[in-house]
Protein backbone atom coordinates (compact mmCIF):
# COMPACT_ATOMS: atom_id res chain seq x y z
CA MET A 1 93.46 56.75 107.03
CA LEU A 2 91.77 56.12 110.28
CA VAL A 3 93.10 59.69 111.71
CA ASN A 4 91.32 61.67 108.59
CA TRP A 5 87.99 59.31 109.29
CA LEU A 6 87.77 60.13 113.07
CA LYS A 7 88.71 63.60 112.28
CA ARG A 8 85.79 64.11 110.36
CA SER A 9 83.52 62.06 112.30
CA LEU A 10 84.47 64.41 115.48
CA LYS A 11 84.05 67.69 113.01
CA LYS A 12 80.73 66.16 112.22
CA ARG A 13 79.73 65.84 115.98
CA GLY A 14 80.71 69.72 116.36
CA TRP A 15 83.86 68.48 118.51
CA SER A 16 87.58 70.00 117.64
CA TYR A 17 90.03 67.20 117.12
CA ILE A 18 92.32 69.63 118.73
CA GLU A 19 90.28 69.97 122.16
CA SER A 20 91.89 68.33 124.99
CA VAL A 21 88.56 66.85 125.85
CA SER A 22 87.93 65.46 122.48
CA ASN A 23 91.24 63.67 122.34
CA LEU A 24 90.88 62.12 125.39
CA ARG A 25 87.56 60.78 124.43
CA LEU A 26 89.31 59.77 121.04
CA ARG A 27 91.77 57.86 123.03
CA ASN A 28 89.32 56.09 125.47
CA GLU A 29 87.25 55.08 122.45
CA LEU A 30 90.41 53.41 120.65
CA ALA A 31 91.61 52.34 123.42
CA ALA A 32 88.73 50.42 124.24
CA TRP A 33 87.89 49.01 120.42
CA ILE A 34 91.82 48.12 120.61
CA ASN A 35 91.16 45.91 123.93
CA LYS A 36 88.65 44.06 122.08
CA PHE A 37 91.09 42.50 119.92
CA ASP A 38 93.08 39.02 121.54
CA TRP A 39 96.77 40.22 121.43
CA GLN A 40 99.32 38.38 122.70
CA PHE A 41 102.71 40.44 123.30
CA PHE A 42 103.53 44.11 124.24
CA VAL A 43 106.37 45.05 122.31
CA THR A 44 108.96 48.02 122.95
CA GLY A 45 111.53 48.23 120.42
CA THR A 46 115.05 50.56 120.52
CA PHE A 47 117.41 51.29 118.63
CA LYS A 48 121.08 51.59 118.79
CA PRO A 49 122.21 54.74 118.64
CA GLU A 50 123.58 54.19 115.11
CA LEU A 51 120.55 52.18 113.51
CA SER A 52 118.41 55.04 115.20
CA TYR A 53 116.22 57.27 112.97
CA LYS A 54 114.90 60.70 113.49
CA ASN A 55 111.85 60.03 111.36
CA THR A 56 108.87 58.19 111.96
CA ILE A 57 108.65 57.12 108.49
CA ASN A 58 111.74 55.14 108.54
CA THR A 59 111.26 54.00 112.05
CA LYS A 60 107.52 52.46 110.88
CA GLY A 61 109.53 50.97 107.62
CA ALA A 62 112.35 49.21 110.49
CA PHE A 63 109.24 47.80 112.35
CA HIS A 64 107.39 46.29 108.91
CA ARG A 65 110.98 45.05 108.16
CA TRP A 66 111.25 43.14 111.42
CA LEU A 67 108.02 41.51 111.09
CA ARG A 68 109.36 40.22 107.69
CA VAL A 69 112.22 38.90 109.47
CA LEU A 70 109.70 36.95 112.02
CA GLY A 71 107.70 35.55 108.92
CA VAL A 72 110.74 34.44 107.08
CA ASP A 73 112.32 33.02 110.40
CA TYR A 74 109.27 31.52 111.81
CA GLY A 75 106.72 31.01 109.56
CA LYS A 76 104.54 33.90 110.45
CA HIS A 77 102.77 35.88 108.07
CA ASP A 78 99.50 36.91 109.37
CA ILE A 79 100.59 39.01 112.23
CA GLN A 80 98.19 41.52 113.29
CA TYR A 81 99.60 44.81 115.07
CA PHE A 82 98.72 48.05 116.73
CA MET A 83 101.94 50.14 116.68
CA ALA A 84 102.96 53.24 117.76
CA VAL A 85 106.09 55.53 116.93
CA GLU A 86 107.41 57.29 120.01
CA ARG A 87 110.11 60.18 119.56
CA PHE A 88 112.54 60.54 122.38
CA LYS A 89 111.69 63.78 124.20
CA SER A 90 114.84 65.38 122.38
CA GLY A 91 113.45 64.89 119.48
CA ASP A 92 116.36 63.12 117.75
CA PHE A 93 115.60 59.50 118.00
CA THR A 94 112.65 57.16 117.96
CA HIS A 95 111.35 53.92 118.90
CA ILE A 96 108.41 51.91 118.71
CA HIS A 97 105.48 50.45 121.02
CA ALA A 98 103.29 47.69 119.57
CA LEU A 99 100.74 45.48 120.56
CA VAL A 100 101.31 41.85 118.33
CA ASN A 101 99.15 38.98 117.67
CA GLY A 102 99.80 35.89 115.40
CA LEU A 103 103.07 34.71 116.79
CA ASP A 104 101.73 31.50 118.18
CA GLY A 105 104.51 29.05 119.20
CA LEU A 106 107.60 31.59 119.78
CA THR A 107 109.20 32.45 122.96
CA TYR A 108 109.92 35.94 124.26
CA ARG A 109 113.21 35.10 123.67
CA GLN A 110 113.07 34.60 120.00
CA ILE A 111 110.66 37.78 119.88
CA GLY A 112 113.52 39.88 121.53
CA GLU A 113 116.38 38.00 119.58
CA SER A 114 114.85 38.98 116.03
CA TRP A 115 114.57 42.71 117.14
CA ARG A 116 117.98 42.90 118.78
CA THR A 117 119.64 41.13 116.25
CA LEU A 118 118.34 43.85 113.64
CA TYR A 119 118.15 47.09 115.67
CA GLY A 120 119.30 47.06 119.80
CA MET A 121 117.45 46.84 122.71
CA GLU A 122 113.68 45.30 123.60
CA LYS A 123 111.07 44.53 126.01
CA VAL A 124 108.59 41.65 125.25
CA VAL A 125 105.50 40.84 127.66
CA ALA A 126 102.47 39.34 127.88
CA TYR A 127 99.54 41.49 127.05
CA ASP A 128 97.34 42.01 129.84
CA LYS A 129 94.70 44.47 128.97
CA ARG A 130 94.45 45.53 132.55
CA ARG A 131 97.95 47.16 132.43
CA GLY A 132 96.39 49.85 130.26
CA ALA A 133 99.06 49.18 127.22
CA GLY A 134 95.88 50.04 124.28
CA PHE A 135 95.13 53.74 126.32
CA TYR A 136 99.54 54.02 126.43
CA LEU A 137 100.02 53.54 122.57
CA THR A 138 96.59 55.59 121.48
CA LYS A 139 98.14 58.88 123.02
CA TYR A 140 100.20 58.49 119.65
CA VAL A 141 97.09 58.68 117.48
CA THR A 142 96.57 62.47 118.72
CA LYS A 143 99.97 63.68 118.47
CA ASP A 144 101.64 65.77 115.53
CA LEU A 145 104.93 64.64 115.52
CA CYS A 146 104.20 60.78 116.02
CA ASP A 147 102.79 58.24 113.77
CA TRP A 148 101.16 54.77 113.88
CA ASP A 149 99.91 51.76 111.81
CA LEU A 150 97.58 49.00 112.29
CA ARG A 151 97.19 45.81 110.83
CA LEU A 152 94.01 43.35 112.05
CA ASN A 153 92.67 40.35 111.01
CA LYS A 154 89.22 41.13 109.11
CA SER A 155 87.34 38.22 110.29
CA LYS A 156 87.64 39.47 113.58
CA ASN A 157 86.23 42.55 112.75
CA SER A 158 84.90 44.78 115.44
CA LYS A 159 83.14 48.35 114.77
CA LEU A 160 84.89 51.42 116.34
CA ILE A 161 81.77 53.99 117.24
CA ILE A 162 83.02 57.35 118.59
């Protein structure tokens, strides 16, 4: 897992993973790396209260089900993403943020409707690396109670060096 590798890498250099300076450096480097990829959309998915999850594992599962629906409904089977699960401040519920690629030909409406049909509210916007979405999402890598996941096209590999 990338987080464990990052922790070991930081430790080898004499840095503590939990130090805020190390976390900021980790976030900056990871955000710069994430921004090297050609993302199409920044998606925020929120669940209806009766469909919301309190844990990050089920929330990630819901995100992956949404991707499968996009695959079935629109023939999109090579979707790349960097997603993070965010807990609401109360800690009772979660929602997702994701950078997504591989949805060529789909409209914002189609992408949004697929989430709304399954779970609730969404916001789909064009990705613009100047707006800081990569940095925003990478904060979840350094939080204990949050979770994240990524799937990248290996043919467009870019080394992460911290």
